[in-house]
Amino acid sequence: MDSFGKKLRECREAKNLSQKDLAGILNTSYSVIGKYERDEMIPSIGVAKNIAKILGTTVGYLLGETEEVNIFKDPAMLNRFNDIEKLDPENKKHLLSVVDGFIQALKIKNIAAL
């Protein structure tokens, strides 16, 4: 499992931000970002949330709770998940049932195409 620092660097570079760029956005120094990336320092929860938001990922990904980086880097997908989470339980159940059926149909179609 990659460390917080390694994941931070990977996400920062994916956004084409230098340590100095990220530091400027966070109103800190680039040496602090370097320490985070070398795992010499760990940011506070608030700073980690800001970093994740700026980099288009989640604190969970940066902390190694999930390896699903791509899905959480896609703001549109993350917004959809947030919208689904806000639904009442009955509507959420119906929506997820439809999504599950659609995914199953695509899997079957892909297997048949082989």
PDB file of N, CA and C in Angstrom:
ATOM      1  N   MET A   1       0.849  -1.180   0.000  1.00  0.00           N
ATOM      2  CA  MET A   1       0.000   0.000   0.000  1.00  0.00           C
ATOM      3  C   MET A   1       0.891   1.238   0.000  1.00  0.00           C
ATOM      4  N   ASP A   2       0.548   2.178  -0.854  1.00  0.00           N
ATOM      5  CA  ASP A   2       1.313   3.416  -0.940  1.00  0.00           C
ATOM      6  C   ASP A   2       1.022   4.313   0.253  1.00  0.00           C
ATOM      7  N   SER A   3       1.995   5.118   0.604  1.00  0.00           N
ATOM      8  CA  SER A   3       1.858   6.037   1.735  1.00  0.00           C
ATOM      9  C   SER A   3       1.053   7.271   1.340  1.00  0.00           C
ATOM     10  N   PHE A   4       0.638   8.030   2.347  1.00  0.00           N
ATOM     11  CA  PHE A   4      -0.055   9.294   2.113  1.00  0.00           C
ATOM     12  C   PHE A   4       0.796  10.174   1.203  1.00  0.00           C
ATOM     13  N   GLY A   5       2.079  10.289   1.525  1.00  0.00           N
ATOM     14  CA  GLY A   5       2.959  11.163   0.759  1.00  0.00           C
ATOM     15  C   GLY A   5       3.063  10.767  -0.702  1.00  0.00           C
ATOM     16  N   LYS A   6       3.180   9.473  -0.951  1.00  0.00           N
ATOM     17  CA  LYS A   6       3.290   9.003  -2.337  1.00  0.00           C
ATOM     18  C   LYS A   6       2.002   9.282  -3.102  1.00  0.00           C
ATOM     19  N   LYS A   7       0.864   9.050  -2.465  1.00  0.00           N
ATOM     20  CA  LYS A   7      -0.417   9.299  -3.128  1.00  0.00           C
ATOM     21  C   LYS A   7      -0.622  10.800  -3.343  1.00  0.00           C
ATOM     22  N   LEU A   8      -0.204  11.596  -2.370  1.00  0.00           N
ATOM     23  CA  LEU A   8      -0.307  13.050  -2.523  1.00  0.00           C
ATOM     24  C   LEU A   8       0.491  13.508  -3.736  1.00  0.00           C
ATOM     25  N   ARG A   9       1.720  13.040  -3.832  1.00  0.00           N
ATOM     26  CA  ARG A   9       2.570  13.433  -4.957  1.00  0.00           C
ATOM     27  C   ARG A   9       1.963  12.994  -6.290  1.00  0.00           C
ATOM     28  N   GLU A  10       1.497  11.759  -6.330  1.00  0.00           N
ATOM     29  CA  GLU A  10       0.890  11.220  -7.552  1.00  0.00           C
ATOM     30  C   GLU A  10      -0.305  12.073  -7.990  1.00  0.00           C
ATOM     31  N   CYS A  11      -1.168  12.420  -7.052  1.00  0.00           N
ATOM     32  CA  CYS A  11      -2.352  13.233  -7.381  1.00  0.00           C
ATOM     33  C   CYS A  11      -1.958  14.655  -7.765  1.00  0.00           C
ATOM     34  N   ARG A  12      -0.978  15.210  -7.068  1.00  0.00           N
ATOM     35  CA  ARG A  12      -0.521  16.566  -7.380  1.00  0.00           C
ATOM     36  C   ARG A  12       0.040  16.618  -8.785  1.00  0.00           C
ATOM     37  N   GLU A  13       0.861  15.658  -9.125  1.00  0.00           N
ATOM     38  CA  GLU A  13       1.463  15.620 -10.457  1.00  0.00           C
ATOM     39  C   GLU A  13       0.407  15.370 -11.537  1.00  0.00           C
ATOM     40  N   ALA A  14      -0.615  14.572 -11.211  1.00  0.00           N
ATOM     41  CA  ALA A  14      -1.693  14.318 -12.168  1.00  0.00           C
ATOM     42  C   ALA A  14      -2.452  15.603 -12.495  1.00  0.00           C
ATOM     43  N   LYS A  15      -2.472  16.535 -11.560  1.00  0.00           N
ATOM     44  CA  LYS A  15      -3.123  17.837 -11.775  1.00  0.00           C
ATOM     45  C   LYS A  15      -2.144  18.871 -12.346  1.00  0.00           C
ATOM     46  N   ASN A  16      -0.932  18.425 -12.652  1.00  0.00           N
ATOM     47  CA  ASN A  16       0.111  19.311 -13.181  1.00  0.00           C
ATOM     48  C   ASN A  16       0.391  20.495 -12.263  1.00  0.00           C
ATOM     49  N   LEU A  17       0.413  20.222 -10.965  1.00  0.00           N
ATOM     50  CA  LEU A  17       0.743  21.250  -9.982  1.00  0.00           C
ATOM     51  C   LEU A  17       2.124  20.974  -9.408  1.00  0.00           C
ATOM     52  N   SER A  18       2.908  22.021  -9.243  1.00  0.00           N
ATOM     53  CA  SER A  18       4.183  21.885  -8.541  1.00  0.00           C
ATOM     54  C   SER A  18       3.903  21.933  -7.038  1.00  0.00           C
ATOM     55  N   GLN A  19       4.903  21.584  -6.254  1.00  0.00           N
ATOM     56  CA  GLN A  19       4.754  21.726  -4.805  1.00  0.00           C
ATOM     57  C   GLN A  19       4.473  23.187  -4.457  1.00  0.00           C
ATOM     58  N   LYS A  20       5.130  24.078  -5.150  1.00  0.00           N
ATOM     59  CA  LYS A  20       4.937  25.507  -4.910  1.00  0.00           C
ATOM     60  C   LYS A  20       3.506  25.927  -5.253  1.00  0.00           C
ATOM     61  N   ASP A  21       2.971  25.415  -6.372  1.00  0.00           N
ATOM     62  CA  ASP A  21       1.590  25.727  -6.760  1.00  0.00           C
ATOM     63  C   ASP A  21       0.605  25.282  -5.677  1.00  0.00           C
ATOM     64  N   LEU A  22       0.752  24.029  -5.243  1.00  0.00           N
ATOM     65  CA  LEU A  22      -0.148  23.492  -4.227  1.00  0.00           C
ATOM     66  C   LEU A  22       0.000  24.265  -2.921  1.00  0.00           C
ATOM     67  N   ALA A  23       1.226  24.577  -2.563  1.00  0.00           N
ATOM     68  CA  ALA A  23       1.469  25.342  -1.339  1.00  0.00           C
ATOM     69  C   ALA A  23       0.784  26.699  -1.402  1.00  0.00           C
ATOM     70  N   GLY A  24       0.842  27.347  -2.554  1.00  0.00           N
ATOM     71  CA  GLY A  24       0.194  28.638  -2.716  1.00  0.00           C
ATOM     72  C   GLY A  24      -1.306  28.560  -2.531  1.00  0.00           C
ATOM     73  N   ILE A  25      -1.907  27.523  -3.090  1.00  0.00           N
ATOM     74  CA  ILE A  25      -3.355  27.334  -2.960  1.00  0.00           C
ATOM     75  C   ILE A  25      -3.727  27.084  -1.500  1.00  0.00           C
ATOM     76  N   LEU A  26      -2.866  26.340  -0.800  1.00  0.00           N
ATOM     77  CA  LEU A  26      -3.134  25.998   0.605  1.00  0.00           C
ATOM     78  C   LEU A  26      -2.646  27.068   1.583  1.00  0.00           C
ATOM     79  N   ASN A  27      -2.004  28.106   1.043  1.00  0.00           N
ATOM     80  CA  ASN A  27      -1.464  29.176   1.880  1.00  0.00           C
ATOM     81  C   ASN A  27      -0.436  28.647   2.888  1.00  0.00           C
ATOM     82  N   THR A  28       0.493  27.846   2.364  1.00  0.00           N
ATOM     83  CA  THR A  28       1.581  27.310   3.170  1.00  0.00           C
ATOM     84  C   THR A  28       2.844  27.364   2.325  1.00  0.00           C
ATOM     85  N   SER A  29       3.931  26.807   2.811  1.00  0.00           N
ATOM     86  CA  SER A  29       5.181  26.826   2.047  1.00  0.00           C
ATOM     87  C   SER A  29       5.369  25.514   1.294  1.00  0.00           C
ATOM     88  N   TYR A  30       6.134  25.580   0.218  1.00  0.00           N
ATOM     89  CA  TYR A  30       6.375  24.361  -0.566  1.00  0.00           C
ATOM     90  C   TYR A  30       7.170  23.340   0.239  1.00  0.00           C
ATOM     91  N   SER A  31       7.947  23.799   1.230  1.00  0.00           N
ATOM     92  CA  SER A  31       8.705  22.844   2.052  1.00  0.00           C
ATOM     93  C   SER A  31       7.765  21.973   2.887  1.00  0.00           C
ATOM     94  N   VAL A  32       6.619  22.523   3.286  1.00  0.00           N
ATOM     95  CA  VAL A  32       5.625  21.732   4.018  1.00  0.00           C
ATOM     96  C   VAL A  32       5.059  20.652   3.103  1.00  0.00           C
ATOM     97  N   ILE A  33       4.751  21.019   1.859  1.00  0.00           N
ATOM     98  CA  ILE A  33       4.245  20.029   0.900  1.00  0.00           C
ATOM     99  C   ILE A  33       5.288  18.932   0.702  1.00  0.00           C
ATOM    100  N   GLY A  34       6.551  19.325   0.586  1.00  0.00           N
ATOM    101  CA  GLY A  34       7.624  18.347   0.449  1.00  0.00           C
ATOM    102  C   GLY A  34       7.678  17.401   1.640  1.00  0.00           C
ATOM    103  N   LYS A  35       7.492  17.936   2.840  1.00  0.00           N
ATOM    104  CA  LYS A  35       7.496  17.087   4.044  1.00  0.00           C
ATOM    105  C   LYS A  35       6.314  16.128   4.048  1.00  0.00           C
ATOM    106  N   TYR A  36       5.159  16.609   3.591  1.00  0.00           N
ATOM    107  CA  TYR A  36       4.005  15.703   3.471  1.00  0.00           C
ATOM    108  C   TYR A  36       4.332  14.576   2.496  1.00  0.00           C
ATOM    109  N   GLU A  37       4.917  14.934   1.360  1.00  0.00           N
ATOM    110  CA  GLU A  37       5.193  13.933   0.325  1.00  0.00           C
ATOM    111  C   GLU A  37       6.285  12.950   0.737  1.00  0.00           C
ATOM    112  N   ARG A  38       7.184  13.377   1.613  1.00  0.00           N
ATOM    113  CA  ARG A  38       8.223  12.471   2.119  1.00  0.00           C
ATOM    114  C   ARG A  38       7.773  11.759   3.390  1.00  0.00           C
ATOM    115  N   ASP A  39       6.513  11.961   3.762  1.00  0.00           N
ATOM    116  CA  ASP A  39       5.942  11.363   4.968  1.00  0.00           C
ATOM    117  C   ASP A  39       6.696  11.762   6.235  1.00  0.00           C
ATOM    118  N   GLU A  40       7.243  12.966   6.232  1.00  0.00           N
ATOM    119  CA  GLU A  40       7.909  13.507   7.416  1.00  0.00           C
ATOM    120  C   GLU A  40       6.909  14.246   8.301  1.00  0.00           C
ATOM    121  N   MET A  41       5.796  14.665   7.708  1.00  0.00           N
ATOM    122  CA  MET A  41       4.718  15.342   8.423  1.00  0.00           C
ATOM    123  C   MET A  41       3.388  14.816   7.898  1.00  0.00           C
ATOM    124  N   ILE A  42       2.392  14.853   8.755  1.00  0.00           N
ATOM    125  CA  ILE A  42       1.040  14.479   8.348  1.00  0.00           C
ATOM    126  C   ILE A  42       0.161  15.709   8.563  1.00  0.00           C
ATOM    127  N   PRO A  43      -0.626  16.073   7.548  1.00  0.00           N
ATOM    128  CA  PRO A  43      -1.474  17.265   7.704  1.00  0.00           C
ATOM    129  C   PRO A  43      -2.628  17.013   8.669  1.00  0.00           C
ATOM    130  N   SER A  44      -3.180  18.097   9.181  1.00  0.00           N
ATOM    131  CA  SER A  44      -4.384  17.983  10.010  1.00  0.00           C
ATOM    132  C   SER A  44      -5.529  17.471   9.139  1.00  0.00           C
ATOM    133  N   ILE A  45      -6.598  17.071   9.777  1.00  0.00           N
ATOM    134  CA  ILE A  45      -7.760  16.577   9.036  1.00  0.00           C
ATOM    135  C   ILE A  45      -8.290  17.661   8.096  1.00  0.00           C
ATOM    136  N   GLY A  46      -8.364  18.881   8.589  1.00  0.00           N
ATOM    137  CA  GLY A  46      -8.870  19.976   7.759  1.00  0.00           C
ATOM    138  C   GLY A  46      -8.008  20.219   6.534  1.00  0.00           C
ATOM    139  N   VAL A  47      -6.695  20.195   6.733  1.00  0.00           N
ATOM    140  CA  VAL A  47      -5.774  20.402   5.610  1.00  0.00           C
ATOM    141  C   VAL A  47      -5.871  19.232   4.637  1.00  0.00           C
ATOM    142  N   ALA A  48      -5.967  18.018   5.159  1.00  0.00           N
ATOM    143  CA  ALA A  48      -6.093  16.839   4.284  1.00  0.00           C
ATOM    144  C   ALA A  48      -7.367  16.928   3.449  1.00  0.00           C
ATOM    145  N   LYS A  49      -8.448  17.414   4.036  1.00  0.00           N
ATOM    146  CA  LYS A  49      -9.698  17.591   3.283  1.00  0.00           C
ATOM    147  C   LYS A  49      -9.520  18.626   2.182  1.00  0.00           C
ATOM    148  N   ASN A  50      -8.836  19.720   2.497  1.00  0.00           N
ATOM    149  CA  ASN A  50      -8.580  20.750   1.480  1.00  0.00           C
ATOM    150  C   ASN A  50      -7.706  20.212   0.358  1.00  0.00           C
ATOM    151  N   ILE A  51      -6.676  19.469   0.722  1.00  0.00           N
ATOM    152  CA  ILE A  51      -5.788  18.878  -0.284  1.00  0.00           C
ATOM    153  C   ILE A  51      -6.590  17.959  -1.211  1.00  0.00           C
ATOM    154  N   ALA A  52      -7.396  17.092  -0.612  1.00  0.00           N
ATOM    155  CA  ALA A  52      -8.194  16.152  -1.413  1.00  0.00           C
ATOM    156  C   ALA A  52      -9.124  16.901  -2.359  1.00  0.00           C
ATOM    157  N   LYS A  53      -9.757  17.943  -1.863  1.00  0.00           N
ATOM    158  CA  LYS A  53     -10.681  18.722  -2.694  1.00  0.00           C
ATOM    159  C   LYS A  53      -9.934  19.378  -3.851  1.00  0.00           C
ATOM    160  N   ILE A  54      -8.801  19.976  -3.573  1.00  0.00           N
ATOM    161  CA  ILE A  54      -8.001  20.644  -4.604  1.00  0.00           C
ATOM    162  C   ILE A  54      -7.540  19.638  -5.664  1.00  0.00           C
ATOM    163  N   LEU A  55      -7.175  18.448  -5.213  1.00  0.00           N
ATOM    164  CA  LEU A  55      -6.627  17.446  -6.131  1.00  0.00           C
ATOM    165  C   LEU A  55      -7.700  16.560  -6.756  1.00  0.00           C
ATOM    166  N   GLY A  56      -8.946  16.791  -6.400  1.00  0.00           N
ATOM    167  CA  GLY A  56     -10.035  16.029  -7.010  1.00  0.00           C
ATOM    168  C   GLY A  56     -10.072  14.579  -6.582  1.00  0.00           C
ATOM    169  N   THR A  57      -9.745  14.321  -5.325  1.00  0.00           N
ATOM    170  CA  THR A  57      -9.791  12.959  -4.812  1.00  0.00           C
ATOM    171  C   THR A  57     -10.439  12.997  -3.438  1.00  0.00           C
ATOM    172  N   THR A  58     -10.245  11.951  -2.661  1.00  0.00           N
ATOM    173  CA  THR A  58     -10.822  11.902  -1.325  1.00  0.00           C
ATOM    174  C   THR A  58      -9.729  11.694  -0.288  1.00  0.00           C
ATOM    175  N   VAL A  59     -10.042  12.062   0.929  1.00  0.00           N
ATOM    176  CA  VAL A  59      -9.120  11.806   2.036  1.00  0.00           C
ATOM    177  C   VAL A  59      -8.933  10.293   2.163  1.00  0.00           C
ATOM    178  N   GLY A  60     -10.008   9.541   1.953  1.00  0.00           N
ATOM    179  CA  GLY A  60      -9.920   8.078   2.024  1.00  0.00           C
ATOM    180  C   GLY A  60      -8.881   7.517   1.075  1.00  0.00           C
ATOM    181  N   TYR A  61      -8.839   8.042  -0.131  1.00  0.00           N
ATOM    182  CA  TYR A  61      -7.821   7.578  -1.076  1.00  0.00           C
ATOM    183  C   TYR A  61      -6.432   7.960  -0.597  1.00  0.00           C
ATOM    184  N   LEU A  62      -6.259   9.216  -0.198  1.00  0.00           N
ATOM    185  CA  LEU A  62      -4.936   9.675   0.246  1.00  0.00           C
ATOM    186  C   LEU A  62      -4.440   8.882   1.455  1.00  0.00           C
ATOM    187  N   LEU A  63      -5.369   8.462   2.316  1.00  0.00           N
ATOM    188  CA  LEU A  63      -4.993   7.710   3.516  1.00  0.00           C
ATOM    189  C   LEU A  63      -4.882   6.210   3.275  1.00  0.00           C
ATOM    190  N   GLY A  64      -5.192   5.770   2.068  1.00  0.00           N
ATOM    191  CA  GLY A  64      -5.055   4.352   1.757  1.00  0.00           C
ATOM    192  C   GLY A  64      -6.257   3.512   2.129  1.00  0.00           C
ATOM    193  N   GLU A  65      -7.399   4.162   2.412  1.00  0.00           N
ATOM    194  CA  GLU A  65      -8.602   3.407   2.750  1.00  0.00           C
ATOM    195  C   GLU A  65      -9.239   2.785   1.520  1.00  0.00           C
ATOM    196  N   THR A  66      -8.938   3.313   0.353  1.00  0.00           N
ATOM    197  CA  THR A  66      -9.436   2.766  -0.903  1.00  0.00           C
ATOM    198  C   THR A  66      -8.366   2.940  -1.963  1.00  0.00           C
ATOM    199  N   GLU A  67      -8.345   2.044  -2.901  1.00  0.00           N
ATOM    200  CA  GLU A  67      -7.405   2.153  -4.016  1.00  0.00           C
ATOM    201  C   GLU A  67      -8.094   2.679  -5.267  1.00  0.00           C
ATOM    202  N   GLU A  68      -9.370   2.978  -5.171  1.00  0.00           N
ATOM    203  CA  GLU A  68     -10.154   3.437  -6.310  1.00  0.00           C
ATOM    204  C   GLU A  68      -9.916   4.919  -6.568  1.00  0.00           C
ATOM    205  N   VAL A  69      -8.737   5.245  -7.075  1.00  0.00           N
ATOM    206  CA  VAL A  69      -8.395   6.646  -7.297  1.00  0.00           C
ATOM    207  C   VAL A  69      -9.172   7.257  -8.446  1.00  0.00           C
ATOM    208  N   ASN A  70      -9.311   6.551  -9.530  1.00  0.00           N
ATOM    209  CA  ASN A  70      -9.907   7.148 -10.727  1.00  0.00           C
ATOM    210  C   ASN A  70     -11.354   7.556 -10.531  1.00  0.00           C
ATOM    211  N   ILE A  71     -12.130   6.727  -9.874  1.00  0.00           N
ATOM    212  CA  ILE A  71     -13.534   7.056  -9.698  1.00  0.00           C
ATOM    213  C   ILE A  71     -13.690   8.306  -8.836  1.00  0.00           C
ATOM    214  N   PHE A  72     -12.798   8.488  -7.880  1.00  0.00           N
ATOM    215  CA  PHE A  72     -12.905   9.637  -6.998  1.00  0.00           C
ATOM    216  C   PHE A  72     -12.216  10.870  -7.550  1.00  0.00           C
ATOM    217  N   LYS A  73     -11.477  10.733  -8.605  1.00  0.00           N
ATOM    218  CA  LYS A  73     -10.879  11.899  -9.248  1.00  0.00           C
ATOM    219  C   LYS A  73     -11.839  12.534 -10.246  1.00  0.00           C
ATOM    220  N   ASP A  74     -12.882  11.809 -10.599  1.00  0.00           N
ATOM    221  CA  ASP A  74     -13.862  12.304 -11.561  1.00  0.00           C
ATOM    222  C   ASP A  74     -14.941  13.073 -10.795  1.00  0.00           C
ATOM    223  N   PRO A  75     -14.911  14.404 -10.841  1.00  0.00           N
ATOM    224  CA  PRO A  75     -15.872  15.190 -10.060  1.00  0.00           C
ATOM    225  C   PRO A  75     -17.324  14.877 -10.409  1.00  0.00           C
ATOM    226  N   ALA A  76     -17.618  14.599 -11.668  1.00  0.00           N
ATOM    227  CA  ALA A  76     -18.992  14.292 -12.058  1.00  0.00           C
ATOM    228  C   ALA A  76     -19.459  13.000 -11.386  1.00  0.00           C
ATOM    229  N   MET A  77     -18.583  12.005 -11.344  1.00  0.00           N
ATOM    230  CA  MET A  77     -18.939  10.739 -10.708  1.00  0.00           C
ATOM    231  C   MET A  77     -19.109  10.930  -9.197  1.00  0.00           C
ATOM    232  N   LEU A  78     -18.239  11.697  -8.600  1.00  0.00           N
ATOM    233  CA  LEU A  78     -18.326  11.959  -7.168  1.00  0.00           C
ATOM    234  C   LEU A  78     -19.624  12.709  -6.849  1.00  0.00           C
ATOM    235  N   ASN A  79     -19.997  13.665  -7.688  1.00  0.00           N
ATOM    236  CA  ASN A  79     -21.269  14.384  -7.496  1.00  0.00           C
ATOM    237  C   ASN A  79     -22.449  13.428  -7.591  1.00  0.00           C
ATOM    238  N   ARG A  80     -22.379  12.481  -8.517  1.00  0.00           N
ATOM    239  CA  ARG A  80     -23.470  11.510  -8.640  1.00  0.00           C
ATOM    240  C   ARG A  80     -23.591  10.674  -7.371  1.00  0.00           C
ATOM    241  N   PHE A  81     -22.454  10.220  -6.860  1.00  0.00           N
ATOM    242  CA  PHE A  81     -22.488   9.441  -5.618  1.00  0.00           C
ATOM    243  C   PHE A  81     -23.073  10.264  -4.473  1.00  0.00           C
ATOM    244  N   ASN A  82     -22.692  11.519  -4.398  1.00  0.00           N
ATOM    245  CA  ASN A  82     -23.227  12.383  -3.347  1.00  0.00           C
ATOM    246  C   ASN A  82     -24.732  12.576  -3.510  1.00  0.00           C
ATOM    247  N   ASP A  83     -25.197  12.745  -4.746  1.00  0.00           N
ATOM    248  CA  ASP A  83     -26.632  12.882  -4.994  1.00  0.00           C
ATOM    249  C   ASP A  83     -27.384  11.617  -4.605  1.00  0.00           C
ATOM    250  N   ILE A  84     -26.833  10.471  -4.949  1.00  0.00           N
ATOM    251  CA  ILE A  84     -27.469   9.199  -4.588  1.00  0.00           C
ATOM    252  C   ILE A  84     -27.538   9.058  -3.075  1.00  0.00           C
ATOM    253  N   GLU A  85     -26.469   9.426  -2.412  1.00  0.00           N
ATOM    254  CA  GLU A  85     -26.420   9.298  -0.947  1.00  0.00           C
ATOM    255  C   GLU A  85     -27.490  10.150  -0.266  1.00  0.00           C
ATOM    256  N   LYS A  86     -27.896  11.239  -0.890  1.00  0.00           N
ATOM    257  CA  LYS A  86     -28.895  12.145  -0.304  1.00  0.00           C
ATOM    258  C   LYS A  86     -30.334  11.670  -0.510  1.00  0.00           C
ATOM    259  N   LEU A  87     -30.522  10.676  -1.369  1.00  0.00           N
ATOM    260  CA  LEU A  87     -31.878  10.180  -1.635  1.00  0.00           C
ATOM    261  C   LEU A  87     -32.448   9.478  -0.404  1.00  0.00           C
ATOM    262  N   ASP A  88     -33.780   9.469  -0.327  1.00  0.00           N
ATOM    263  CA  ASP A  88     -34.402   8.695   0.752  1.00  0.00           C
ATOM    264  C   ASP A  88     -34.136   7.212   0.472  1.00  0.00           C
ATOM    265  N   PRO A  89     -34.168   6.375   1.496  1.00  0.00           N
ATOM    266  CA  PRO A  89     -33.795   4.954   1.331  1.00  0.00           C
ATOM    267  C   PRO A  89     -34.563   4.218   0.232  1.00  0.00           C
ATOM    268  N   GLU A  90     -35.851   4.498   0.092  1.00  0.00           N
ATOM    269  CA  GLU A  90     -36.648   3.786  -0.919  1.00  0.00           C
ATOM    270  C   GLU A  90     -36.203   4.161  -2.339  1.00  0.00           C
ATOM    271  N   ASN A  91     -36.031   5.453  -2.593  1.00  0.00           N
ATOM    272  CA  ASN A  91     -35.582   5.888  -3.925  1.00  0.00           C
ATOM    273  C   ASN A  91     -34.162   5.413  -4.205  1.00  0.00           C
ATOM    274  N   LYS A  92     -33.306   5.437  -3.190  1.00  0.00           N
ATOM    275  CA  LYS A  92     -31.937   4.950  -3.355  1.00  0.00           C
ATOM    276  C   LYS A  92     -31.961   3.469  -3.740  1.00  0.00           C
ATOM    277  N   LYS A  93     -32.795   2.695  -3.080  1.00  0.00           N
ATOM    278  CA  LYS A  93     -32.914   1.261  -3.370  1.00  0.00           C
ATOM    279  C   LYS A  93     -33.344   1.041  -4.817  1.00  0.00           C
ATOM    280  N   HIS A  94     -34.332   1.795  -5.282  1.00  0.00           N
ATOM    281  CA  HIS A  94     -34.817   1.649  -6.659  1.00  0.00           C
ATOM    282  C   HIS A  94     -33.741   2.042  -7.673  1.00  0.00           C
ATOM    283  N   LEU A  95     -33.084   3.157  -7.419  1.00  0.00           N
ATOM    284  CA  LEU A  95     -32.039   3.615  -8.342  1.00  0.00           C
ATOM    285  C   LEU A  95     -30.901   2.599  -8.427  1.00  0.00           C
ATOM    286  N   LEU A  96     -30.453   2.118  -7.290  1.00  0.00           N
ATOM    287  CA  LEU A  96     -29.350   1.154  -7.290  1.00  0.00           C
ATOM    288  C   LEU A  96     -29.758  -0.156  -7.958  1.00  0.00           C
ATOM    289  N   SER A  97     -31.022  -0.530  -7.828  1.00  0.00           N
ATOM    290  CA  SER A  97     -31.513  -1.724  -8.502  1.00  0.00           C
ATOM    291  C   SER A  97     -31.429  -1.565 -10.018  1.00  0.00           C
ATOM    292  N   VAL A  98     -31.815  -0.399 -10.514  1.00  0.00           N
ATOM    293  CA  VAL A  98     -31.737  -0.124 -11.952  1.00  0.00           C
ATOM    294  C   VAL A  98     -30.274  -0.140 -12.417  1.00  0.00           C
ATOM    295  N   VAL A  99     -29.409   0.512 -11.645  1.00  0.00           N
ATOM    296  CA  VAL A  99     -27.985   0.564 -12.002  1.00  0.00           C
ATOM    297  C   VAL A  99     -27.394  -0.849 -11.998  1.00  0.00           C
ATOM    298  N   ASP A 100     -27.715  -1.632 -10.969  1.00  0.00           N
ATOM    299  CA  ASP A 100     -27.212  -3.014 -10.902  1.00  0.00           C
ATOM    300  C   ASP A 100     -27.672  -3.829 -12.113  1.00  0.00           C
ATOM    301  N   GLY A 101     -28.932  -3.661 -12.500  1.00  0.00           N
ATOM    302  CA  GLY A 101     -29.445  -4.377 -13.668  1.00  0.00           C
ATOM    303  C   GLY A 101     -28.728  -3.965 -14.944  1.00  0.00           C
ATOM    304  N   PHE A 102     -28.475  -2.681 -15.090  1.00  0.00           N
ATOM    305  CA  PHE A 102     -27.773  -2.183 -16.268  1.00  0.00           C
ATOM    306  C   PHE A 102     -26.340  -2.721 -16.325  1.00  0.00           C
ATOM    307  N   ILE A 103     -25.661  -2.699 -15.193  1.00  0.00           N
ATOM    308  CA  ILE A 103     -24.282  -3.215 -15.143  1.00  0.00           C
ATOM    309  C   ILE A 103     -24.262  -4.701 -15.470  1.00  0.00           C
ATOM    310  N   GLN A 104     -25.206  -5.466 -14.918  1.00  0.00           N
ATOM    311  CA  GLN A 104     -25.278  -6.902 -15.196  1.00  0.00           C
ATOM    312  C   GLN A 104     -25.511  -7.157 -16.679  1.00  0.00           C
ATOM    313  N   ALA A 105     -26.401  -6.378 -17.292  1.00  0.00           N
ATOM    314  CA  ALA A 105     -26.670  -6.540 -18.727  1.00  0.00           C
ATOM    315  C   ALA A 105     -25.417  -6.249 -19.555  1.00  0.00           C
ATOM    316  N   LEU A 106     -24.664  -5.236 -19.177  1.00  0.00           N
ATOM    317  CA  LEU A 106     -23.422  -4.925 -19.903  1.00  0.00           C
ATOM    318  C   LEU A 106     -22.388  -6.036 -19.749  1.00  0.00           C
ATOM    319  N   LYS A 107     -22.304  -6.614 -18.569  1.00  0.00           N
ATOM    320  CA  LYS A 107     -21.359  -7.717 -18.347  1.00  0.00           C
ATOM    321  C   LYS A 107     -21.724  -8.913 -19.219  1.00  0.00           C
ATOM    322  N   ILE A 108     -22.995  -9.204 -19.276  1.00  0.00           N
ATOM    323  CA  ILE A 108     -23.457 -10.320 -20.105  1.00  0.00           C
ATOM    324  C   ILE A 108     -23.166 -10.036 -21.574  1.00  0.00           C
ATOM    325  N   LYS A 109     -23.417  -8.817 -22.008  1.00  0.00           N
ATOM    326  CA  LYS A 109     -23.156  -8.430 -23.389  1.00  0.00           C
ATOM    327  C   LYS A 109     -21.665  -8.561 -23.712  1.00  0.00           C
ATOM    328  N   ASN A 110     -20.805  -8.142 -22.783  1.00  0.00           N
ATOM    329  CA  ASN A 110     -19.363  -8.230 -22.999  1.00  0.00           C
ATOM    330  C   ASN A 110     -18.880  -9.669 -23.050  1.00  0.00           C
ATOM    331  N   ILE A 111     -19.461 -10.534 -22.224  1.00  0.00           N
ATOM    332  CA  ILE A 111     -19.089 -11.941 -22.247  1.00  0.00           C
ATOM    333  C   ILE A 111     -19.524 -12.580 -23.557  1.00  0.00           C
ATOM    334  N   ALA A 112     -20.722 -12.228 -24.023  1.00  0.00           N
ATOM    335  CA  ALA A 112     -21.239 -12.782 -25.283  1.00  0.00           C
ATOM    336  C   ALA A 112     -20.394 -12.331 -26.475  1.00  0.00           C
ATOM    337  N   ALA A 113     -19.796 -11.144 -26.369  1.00  0.00           N
ATOM    338  CA  ALA A 113     -18.991 -10.618 -27.473  1.00  0.00           C
ATOM    339  C   ALA A 113     -17.648 -11.335 -27.582  1.00  0.00           C
ATOM    340  N   LEU A 114     -17.254 -12.028 -26.530  1.00  0.00           N
ATOM    341  CA  LEU A 114     -15.966 -12.739 -26.578  1.00  0.00           C
ATOM    342  C   LEU A 114     -16.118 -13.961 -27.393  1.00  0.00           C
TER     343      LEU A 114
END
